[in-house]
C-alpha cells in the first residue's frame, strides 16, 4: 500500500511539473527584438564592430542597474494613488523619487566614463537621444512580431 501511495504521489508531482512547462513561443521573437535593438544601436551611434563589442556589455550592465532601481521604486509605489496620499506618505514618495533620480545620476557618473572609453565622448553623449529614437522602433517591432507581455497575477493592467 505504501508503494502504491508513493507511486501516485510521485506521478502526480511529475504530472504537475509537466503541466507547467514554459511556453517558449515568445523566446525567438524576443531574441529577434534584441538583435534588432543591437543593430539599431550600432547604426544610430555609427559604431564599428570593435567599438560595439566593447560598448554593449557596459551599456547592458548600466541598463540593468537602472531598470532594477526603477522597478524597486515602482514596486513600492505601484499600488498607491499619488493623488490620495496623506502628508507623511507624500513626503516619503518625494524622498523616494529624489533617491531614484540620485541613483540615476550616480549610475550615469559611474558608467558614463566607461562607455566613453569604449566609444568616445562624442558618441557617448548621443546615447539618450538614440534611446528616444529607437524606443518607438522597438515597440513597433514587438507589435509586428505579436509579442505578448506576460503580467503577474494581481497586478493592474
N, C-alpha and C. Protein backbone atom coordinates (compact mmCIF):
# COMPACT_ATOMS: atom_id res chain seq x y z
N UNK A 1 0.81 -1.19 0.00
CA UNK A 1 0.00 0.00 0.00
C UNK A 1 0.87 1.27 0.00
N UNK A 2 1.94 1.24 0.77
CA UNK A 2 2.84 2.39 0.83
C UNK A 2 3.46 2.65 -0.54
N UNK A 3 3.83 1.56 -1.23
CA UNK A 3 4.43 1.71 -2.55
C UNK A 3 3.44 2.33 -3.53
N UNK A 4 2.18 1.95 -3.42
CA UNK A 4 1.14 2.48 -4.30
C UNK A 4 0.94 3.97 -4.04
N UNK A 5 0.89 4.36 -2.79
CA UNK A 5 0.72 5.77 -2.43
C UNK A 5 1.94 6.57 -2.89
N UNK A 6 3.12 6.02 -2.67
CA UNK A 6 4.33 6.69 -3.11
C UNK A 6 4.35 6.85 -4.63
N UNK A 7 3.97 5.81 -5.34
CA UNK A 7 3.93 5.87 -6.81
C UNK A 7 3.00 6.97 -7.29
N UNK A 8 1.76 7.01 -6.73
CA UNK A 8 0.81 8.03 -7.16
C UNK A 8 1.25 9.43 -6.76
N UNK A 9 1.91 9.56 -5.63
CA UNK A 9 2.41 10.87 -5.21
C UNK A 9 3.47 11.37 -6.20
N UNK A 10 4.40 10.49 -6.54
CA UNK A 10 5.44 10.87 -7.49
C UNK A 10 4.83 11.16 -8.85
N UNK A 11 3.87 10.35 -9.26
CA UNK A 11 3.22 10.54 -10.55
C UNK A 11 2.49 11.88 -10.62
N UNK A 12 1.73 12.20 -9.55
CA UNK A 12 1.02 13.48 -9.52
C UNK A 12 1.99 14.65 -9.51
N UNK A 13 3.07 14.53 -8.76
CA UNK A 13 4.06 15.60 -8.71
C UNK A 13 4.70 15.81 -10.09
N UNK A 14 5.07 14.72 -10.75
CA UNK A 14 5.69 14.86 -12.07
C UNK A 14 4.68 15.38 -13.10
N UNK A 15 3.42 15.00 -12.95
CA UNK A 15 2.39 15.50 -13.86
C UNK A 15 2.21 17.00 -13.69
N UNK A 16 2.22 17.47 -12.43
CA UNK A 16 2.06 18.91 -12.21
C UNK A 16 3.25 19.69 -12.74
N UNK A 17 4.44 19.10 -12.68
CA UNK A 17 5.62 19.77 -13.24
C UNK A 17 5.54 19.85 -14.75
N UNK A 18 5.08 18.79 -15.38
CA UNK A 18 5.00 18.82 -16.84
C UNK A 18 3.89 19.75 -17.31
N UNK A 19 2.88 19.97 -16.49
CA UNK A 19 1.80 20.88 -16.85
C UNK A 19 2.25 22.33 -16.82
N UNK A 20 3.37 22.62 -16.15
CA UNK A 20 3.84 24.00 -16.02
C UNK A 20 5.02 24.27 -16.94
N UNK A 21 5.09 23.60 -18.03
CA UNK A 21 6.18 23.84 -18.97
C UNK A 21 6.16 25.28 -19.45
N UNK A 22 7.34 25.81 -19.64
CA UNK A 22 7.48 27.18 -20.10
C UNK A 22 7.15 27.27 -21.58
N UNK A 23 6.30 28.20 -21.92
CA UNK A 23 5.94 28.41 -23.32
C UNK A 23 7.05 29.22 -23.98
N UNK A 24 7.77 28.58 -24.87
CA UNK A 24 8.92 29.23 -25.49
C UNK A 24 8.57 29.92 -26.81
N UNK A 25 7.30 30.11 -27.08
CA UNK A 25 6.93 30.73 -28.35
C UNK A 25 7.41 32.18 -28.45
N UNK A 26 7.51 32.86 -27.34
CA UNK A 26 7.95 34.26 -27.34
C UNK A 26 9.47 34.39 -27.35
N UNK A 27 10.18 33.35 -26.97
CA UNK A 27 11.64 33.45 -26.83
C UNK A 27 12.30 33.86 -28.16
N UNK A 28 11.92 33.21 -29.24
CA UNK A 28 12.51 33.55 -30.54
C UNK A 28 12.15 34.98 -30.95
N UNK A 29 10.94 35.39 -30.66
CA UNK A 29 10.51 36.74 -31.00
C UNK A 29 11.28 37.77 -30.17
N UNK A 30 11.45 37.49 -28.89
CA UNK A 30 12.18 38.41 -28.02
C UNK A 30 13.64 38.50 -28.46
N UNK A 31 14.22 37.37 -28.82
CA UNK A 31 15.59 37.38 -29.33
C UNK A 31 15.71 38.21 -30.62
N UNK A 32 14.68 38.13 -31.46
CA UNK A 32 14.69 38.92 -32.70
C UNK A 32 14.66 40.41 -32.39
N UNK A 33 13.87 40.81 -31.38
CA UNK A 33 13.81 42.23 -30.99
C UNK A 33 15.15 42.66 -30.38
N UNK A 34 15.77 41.78 -29.60
CA UNK A 34 17.08 42.11 -29.02
C UNK A 34 18.12 42.31 -30.11
N UNK A 35 18.10 41.47 -31.12
CA UNK A 35 19.04 41.62 -32.23
C UNK A 35 18.77 42.91 -33.00
N UNK A 36 17.49 43.23 -33.18
CA UNK A 36 17.10 44.47 -33.85
C UNK A 36 17.60 45.67 -33.04
N UNK A 37 17.50 45.59 -31.72
CA UNK A 37 17.98 46.66 -30.83
C UNK A 37 19.49 46.84 -31.02
N UNK A 38 20.21 45.74 -31.08
CA UNK A 38 21.66 45.83 -31.27
C UNK A 38 21.99 46.50 -32.60
N UNK A 39 21.29 46.10 -33.65
CA UNK A 39 21.52 46.70 -34.97
C UNK A 39 21.23 48.19 -34.96
N UNK A 40 20.13 48.57 -34.31
CA UNK A 40 19.77 49.99 -34.24
C UNK A 40 20.82 50.79 -33.47
N UNK A 41 21.24 50.28 -32.31
CA UNK A 41 22.25 50.98 -31.53
C UNK A 41 23.54 51.15 -32.33
N UNK A 42 23.94 50.08 -32.99
CA UNK A 42 25.18 50.11 -33.76
C UNK A 42 25.09 51.12 -34.91
N UNK A 43 23.97 51.11 -35.61
CA UNK A 43 23.86 52.01 -36.77
C UNK A 43 23.63 53.46 -36.35
N UNK A 44 22.78 53.69 -35.36
CA UNK A 44 22.48 55.07 -34.95
C UNK A 44 23.67 55.76 -34.29
N UNK A 45 24.51 54.97 -33.60
CA UNK A 45 25.70 55.55 -32.97
C UNK A 45 26.93 55.48 -33.87
N UNK A 46 26.77 54.93 -35.07
CA UNK A 46 27.87 54.79 -36.02
C UNK A 46 29.07 54.08 -35.40
N UNK A 47 28.83 52.89 -34.84
CA UNK A 47 29.88 52.13 -34.17
C UNK A 47 30.41 51.04 -35.10
N UNK A 48 31.73 50.87 -35.08
CA UNK A 48 32.30 49.74 -35.79
C UNK A 48 32.21 48.51 -34.88
N UNK A 49 32.60 47.35 -35.38
CA UNK A 49 32.45 46.11 -34.61
C UNK A 49 33.25 46.14 -33.31
N UNK A 50 34.46 46.65 -33.36
CA UNK A 50 35.31 46.70 -32.15
C UNK A 50 34.69 47.60 -31.09
N UNK A 51 34.24 48.79 -31.50
CA UNK A 51 33.60 49.72 -30.55
C UNK A 51 32.33 49.10 -29.99
N UNK A 52 31.54 48.49 -30.86
CA UNK A 52 30.27 47.93 -30.43
C UNK A 52 30.47 46.80 -29.43
N UNK A 53 31.44 45.94 -29.69
CA UNK A 53 31.71 44.82 -28.78
C UNK A 53 32.22 45.29 -27.43
N UNK A 54 32.92 46.41 -27.39
CA UNK A 54 33.36 46.98 -26.11
C UNK A 54 32.23 47.72 -25.42
N UNK A 55 31.38 48.36 -26.19
CA UNK A 55 30.30 49.19 -25.66
C UNK A 55 29.13 48.38 -25.09
N UNK A 56 28.71 47.35 -25.80
CA UNK A 56 27.46 46.66 -25.46
C UNK A 56 27.43 46.06 -24.05
N UNK A 57 28.45 45.37 -23.58
CA UNK A 57 28.37 44.83 -22.21
C UNK A 57 28.26 45.92 -21.15
N UNK A 58 28.97 47.01 -21.33
CA UNK A 58 28.91 48.12 -20.37
C UNK A 58 27.52 48.75 -20.40
N UNK A 59 27.01 48.99 -21.59
CA UNK A 59 25.69 49.59 -21.77
C UNK A 59 24.60 48.69 -21.17
N UNK A 60 24.67 47.39 -21.42
CA UNK A 60 23.67 46.47 -20.88
C UNK A 60 23.73 46.42 -19.36
N UNK A 61 24.93 46.46 -18.80
CA UNK A 61 25.08 46.47 -17.34
C UNK A 61 24.46 47.73 -16.75
N UNK A 62 24.70 48.87 -17.40
CA UNK A 62 24.11 50.13 -16.96
C UNK A 62 22.59 50.08 -17.03
N UNK A 63 22.06 49.56 -18.13
CA UNK A 63 20.61 49.48 -18.29
C UNK A 63 19.98 48.55 -17.26
N UNK A 64 20.65 47.47 -16.93
CA UNK A 64 20.15 46.54 -15.93
C UNK A 64 20.11 47.18 -14.55
N UNK A 65 21.16 47.90 -14.19
CA UNK A 65 21.19 48.59 -12.90
C UNK A 65 20.11 49.67 -12.83
N UNK A 66 19.93 50.39 -13.92
CA UNK A 66 18.90 51.43 -13.99
C UNK A 66 17.51 50.83 -13.88
N UNK A 67 17.28 49.74 -14.61
CA UNK A 67 15.98 49.06 -14.58
C UNK A 67 15.67 48.54 -13.17
N UNK A 68 16.69 48.01 -12.50
CA UNK A 68 16.50 47.50 -11.14
C UNK A 68 16.08 48.62 -10.19
N UNK A 69 16.72 49.76 -10.29
CA UNK A 69 16.38 50.90 -9.44
C UNK A 69 14.96 51.38 -9.71
N UNK A 70 14.59 51.49 -10.97
CA UNK A 70 13.25 51.95 -11.31
C UNK A 70 12.18 50.95 -10.87
N UNK A 71 12.47 49.66 -11.03
CA UNK A 71 11.49 48.64 -10.63
C UNK A 71 11.28 48.64 -9.13
N UNK A 72 12.33 48.86 -8.36
CA UNK A 72 12.16 48.86 -6.92
C UNK A 72 11.29 50.06 -6.49
N UNK A 73 11.48 51.20 -7.13
CA UNK A 73 10.62 52.36 -6.84
C UNK A 73 9.17 52.07 -7.22
N UNK A 74 8.97 51.54 -8.42
CA UNK A 74 7.61 51.25 -8.89
C UNK A 74 6.94 50.20 -8.03
N UNK A 75 7.70 49.18 -7.63
CA UNK A 75 7.13 48.11 -6.81
C UNK A 75 6.59 48.67 -5.49
N UNK A 76 7.31 49.63 -4.93
CA UNK A 76 6.87 50.21 -3.66
C UNK A 76 5.64 51.09 -3.83
N UNK A 77 5.57 51.84 -4.93
CA UNK A 77 4.52 52.83 -5.10
C UNK A 77 3.45 52.45 -6.12
N UNK A 78 3.55 51.29 -6.72
CA UNK A 78 2.63 50.88 -7.78
C UNK A 78 1.17 50.86 -7.33
N UNK A 79 0.91 50.37 -6.13
CA UNK A 79 -0.47 50.23 -5.68
C UNK A 79 -1.03 51.51 -5.08
N UNK A 80 -0.19 52.50 -4.89
CA UNK A 80 -0.64 53.76 -4.28
C UNK A 80 -1.13 54.73 -5.34
N UNK A 81 -2.16 55.46 -4.99
CA UNK A 81 -2.66 56.54 -5.84
C UNK A 81 -2.04 57.83 -5.32
N UNK A 82 -1.13 58.43 -6.07
CA UNK A 82 -0.41 59.59 -5.55
C UNK A 82 -1.32 60.80 -5.35
N UNK A 83 -2.50 60.78 -5.95
CA UNK A 83 -3.43 61.89 -5.74
C UNK A 83 -4.08 61.82 -4.35
N UNK A 84 -4.03 60.65 -3.72
CA UNK A 84 -4.69 60.46 -2.42
C UNK A 84 -3.73 60.10 -1.30
N UNK A 85 -2.49 60.54 -1.39
CA UNK A 85 -1.52 60.26 -0.34
C UNK A 85 -1.70 61.25 0.81
N UNK A 86 -1.51 60.75 2.04
CA UNK A 86 -1.53 61.68 3.18
C UNK A 86 -0.17 62.38 3.23
N UNK A 87 0.00 63.30 4.16
CA UNK A 87 1.21 64.14 4.19
C UNK A 87 2.48 63.31 4.39
N UNK A 88 2.45 62.34 5.29
CA UNK A 88 3.67 61.55 5.54
C UNK A 88 3.99 60.65 4.35
N UNK A 89 2.97 60.07 3.70
CA UNK A 89 3.19 59.25 2.52
C UNK A 89 3.72 60.09 1.36
N UNK A 90 3.18 61.30 1.21
CA UNK A 90 3.64 62.19 0.15
C UNK A 90 5.10 62.59 0.36
N UNK A 91 5.46 62.83 1.61
CA UNK A 91 6.84 63.17 1.92
C UNK A 91 7.76 61.98 1.63
N UNK A 92 7.32 60.78 1.97
CA UNK A 92 8.11 59.57 1.69
C UNK A 92 8.23 59.33 0.19
N UNK A 93 7.13 59.54 -0.55
CA UNK A 93 7.15 59.40 -2.01
C UNK A 93 8.15 60.38 -2.61
N UNK A 94 8.11 61.63 -2.15
CA UNK A 94 9.01 62.65 -2.65
C UNK A 94 10.47 62.26 -2.39
N UNK A 95 10.75 61.77 -1.19
CA UNK A 95 12.10 61.33 -0.85
C UNK A 95 12.54 60.17 -1.73
N UNK A 96 11.65 59.20 -1.95
CA UNK A 96 11.97 58.05 -2.79
C UNK A 96 12.20 58.47 -4.25
N UNK A 97 11.42 59.44 -4.73
CA UNK A 97 11.59 59.93 -6.10
C UNK A 97 12.94 60.65 -6.24
N UNK A 98 13.31 61.43 -5.23
CA UNK A 98 14.63 62.08 -5.26
C UNK A 98 15.75 61.05 -5.19
N UNK A 99 15.56 60.02 -4.36
CA UNK A 99 16.57 58.96 -4.27
C UNK A 99 16.73 58.24 -5.61
N UNK A 100 15.62 58.02 -6.32
CA UNK A 100 15.69 57.38 -7.63
C UNK A 100 16.46 58.26 -8.61
N UNK A 101 16.18 59.56 -8.61
CA UNK A 101 16.91 60.46 -9.50
C UNK A 101 18.39 60.50 -9.15
N UNK A 102 18.69 60.45 -7.85
CA UNK A 102 20.09 60.44 -7.43
C UNK A 102 20.77 59.15 -7.89
N UNK A 103 20.05 58.03 -7.79
CA UNK A 103 20.59 56.75 -8.25
C UNK A 103 20.86 56.80 -9.76
N UNK A 104 19.94 57.39 -10.53
CA UNK A 104 20.13 57.54 -11.98
C UNK A 104 21.38 58.37 -12.27
N UNK A 105 21.56 59.46 -11.53
CA UNK A 105 22.75 60.30 -11.71
C UNK A 105 24.02 59.56 -11.32
N UNK A 106 23.97 58.81 -10.21
CA UNK A 106 25.14 58.05 -9.78
C UNK A 106 25.53 57.01 -10.83
N UNK A 107 24.53 56.35 -11.41
CA UNK A 107 24.80 55.36 -12.45
C UNK A 107 25.40 56.02 -13.69
N UNK A 108 24.89 57.19 -14.03
CA UNK A 108 25.43 57.93 -15.17
C UNK A 108 26.88 58.33 -14.91
N UNK A 109 27.17 58.78 -13.69
CA UNK A 109 28.55 59.13 -13.33
C UNK A 109 29.47 57.91 -13.34
N UNK A 110 28.92 56.76 -12.96
CA UNK A 110 29.73 55.55 -12.91
C UNK A 110 29.98 54.97 -14.30
N UNK A 111 28.92 54.88 -15.11
CA UNK A 111 29.04 54.21 -16.40
C UNK A 111 29.39 55.15 -17.56
N UNK A 112 29.15 56.43 -17.42
CA UNK A 112 29.47 57.38 -18.49
C UNK A 112 30.92 57.31 -18.93
N UNK A 113 31.88 57.42 -18.00
CA UNK A 113 33.29 57.33 -18.41
C UNK A 113 33.66 55.97 -19.01
N UNK A 114 33.05 54.90 -18.51
CA UNK A 114 33.34 53.57 -19.06
C UNK A 114 32.85 53.47 -20.51
N UNK A 115 31.65 53.98 -20.75
CA UNK A 115 31.10 53.96 -22.10
C UNK A 115 31.93 54.85 -23.02
N UNK A 116 32.30 56.02 -22.51
CA UNK A 116 33.10 56.95 -23.31
C UNK A 116 34.47 56.36 -23.64
N UNK A 117 35.02 55.57 -22.73
CA UNK A 117 36.31 54.93 -23.01
C UNK A 117 36.17 53.92 -24.14
N UNK A 118 34.99 53.32 -24.26
CA UNK A 118 34.77 52.32 -25.30
C UNK A 118 34.45 52.94 -26.66
N UNK A 119 33.66 54.04 -26.66
CA UNK A 119 33.19 54.58 -27.94
C UNK A 119 33.52 56.06 -28.15
N UNK A 120 34.06 56.72 -27.17
CA UNK A 120 34.37 58.15 -27.29
C UNK A 120 33.23 59.01 -26.75
N UNK A 121 33.60 60.19 -26.26
CA UNK A 121 32.61 61.08 -25.65
C UNK A 121 31.59 61.60 -26.65
N UNK A 122 32.00 61.84 -27.87
CA UNK A 122 31.07 62.40 -28.85
C UNK A 122 29.91 61.44 -29.14
N UNK A 123 30.18 60.15 -29.09
CA UNK A 123 29.12 59.17 -29.30
C UNK A 123 28.39 58.87 -27.99
N UNK A 124 29.11 58.92 -26.88
CA UNK A 124 28.51 58.61 -25.58
C UNK A 124 27.41 59.62 -25.21
N UNK A 125 27.62 60.88 -25.56
CA UNK A 125 26.62 61.89 -25.20
C UNK A 125 25.36 61.78 -26.05
N UNK A 126 25.42 61.04 -27.14
CA UNK A 126 24.26 60.87 -28.02
C UNK A 126 23.37 59.69 -27.61
N UNK A 127 23.78 58.93 -26.61
CA UNK A 127 23.06 57.70 -26.27
C UNK A 127 21.60 57.98 -25.89
N UNK A 128 21.34 58.96 -25.06
CA UNK A 128 19.96 59.26 -24.64
C UNK A 128 19.09 59.62 -25.84
N UNK A 129 19.64 60.40 -26.74
CA UNK A 129 18.90 60.78 -27.95
C UNK A 129 18.60 59.54 -28.79
N UNK A 130 19.59 58.68 -28.95
CA UNK A 130 19.40 57.45 -29.72
C UNK A 130 18.37 56.55 -29.05
N UNK A 131 18.41 56.46 -27.72
CA UNK A 131 17.41 55.64 -27.00
C UNK A 131 16.00 56.14 -27.28
N UNK A 132 15.83 57.46 -27.28
CA UNK A 132 14.50 58.02 -27.58
C UNK A 132 14.08 57.72 -29.01
N UNK A 133 15.04 57.71 -29.94
CA UNK A 133 14.74 57.43 -31.34
C UNK A 133 14.37 55.97 -31.58
N UNK A 134 15.06 55.07 -30.90
CA UNK A 134 14.84 53.65 -31.20
C UNK A 134 13.70 53.03 -30.40
N UNK A 135 13.28 53.67 -29.31
CA UNK A 135 12.21 53.09 -28.49
C UNK A 135 10.93 52.83 -29.31
N UNK A 136 10.43 53.82 -30.08
CA UNK A 136 9.23 53.53 -30.87
C UNK A 136 9.47 52.46 -31.94
N UNK A 137 10.69 52.40 -32.47
CA UNK A 137 11.00 51.37 -33.46
C UNK A 137 10.98 49.98 -32.84
N UNK A 138 11.50 49.87 -31.62
CA UNK A 138 11.48 48.58 -30.92
C UNK A 138 10.06 48.16 -30.56
N UNK A 139 9.25 49.13 -30.12
CA UNK A 139 7.86 48.82 -29.80
C UNK A 139 7.09 48.38 -31.05
N UNK A 140 7.36 49.04 -32.16
CA UNK A 140 6.71 48.65 -33.41
C UNK A 140 7.13 47.25 -33.83
N UNK A 141 8.40 46.93 -33.65
CA UNK A 141 8.90 45.60 -33.99
C UNK A 141 8.25 44.54 -33.09
N UNK A 142 8.13 44.83 -31.80
CA UNK A 142 7.49 43.89 -30.88
C UNK A 142 6.02 43.70 -31.24
N UNK A 143 5.34 44.79 -31.62
CA UNK A 143 3.94 44.67 -32.04
C UNK A 143 3.82 43.88 -33.33
N UNK A 144 4.77 44.11 -34.24
CA UNK A 144 4.77 43.40 -35.52
C UNK A 144 4.94 41.89 -35.30
N UNK A 145 5.78 41.53 -34.33
CA UNK A 145 6.01 40.12 -34.03
C UNK A 145 4.95 39.54 -33.10
N UNK A 146 4.03 40.40 -32.65
CA UNK A 146 2.92 39.99 -31.78
C UNK A 146 3.42 39.38 -30.48
N UNK A 147 4.35 40.08 -29.83
CA UNK A 147 4.87 39.63 -28.54
C UNK A 147 3.90 40.09 -27.46
N UNK A 148 3.45 39.15 -26.69
CA UNK A 148 2.53 39.45 -25.59
C UNK A 148 3.33 39.55 -24.30
N UNK A 149 3.14 40.64 -23.58
CA UNK A 149 3.80 40.80 -22.30
C UNK A 149 3.03 40.01 -21.27
N UNK A 150 3.73 39.17 -20.54
CA UNK A 150 3.08 38.36 -19.51
C UNK A 150 3.02 39.17 -18.24
N UNK A 151 1.84 39.28 -17.69
CA UNK A 151 1.66 40.05 -16.45
C UNK A 151 1.52 39.10 -15.28
N UNK A 152 2.00 39.55 -14.16
CA UNK A 152 1.87 38.76 -12.94
C UNK A 152 0.44 38.86 -12.44
N UNK A 153 0.00 37.83 -11.77
CA UNK A 153 -1.35 37.84 -11.23
C UNK A 153 -1.45 38.89 -10.15
N UNK A 154 -2.61 39.52 -10.08
CA UNK A 154 -2.86 40.52 -9.05
C UNK A 154 -2.30 41.89 -9.36
N UNK A 155 -1.81 42.10 -10.54
CA UNK A 155 -1.27 43.41 -10.91
C UNK A 155 -2.29 44.15 -11.77
N UNK A 156 -2.19 45.47 -11.74
CA UNK A 156 -3.06 46.30 -12.58
C UNK A 156 -2.69 46.12 -14.03
N UNK A 157 -3.67 46.32 -14.90
CA UNK A 157 -3.38 46.24 -16.35
C UNK A 157 -3.19 47.60 -16.91
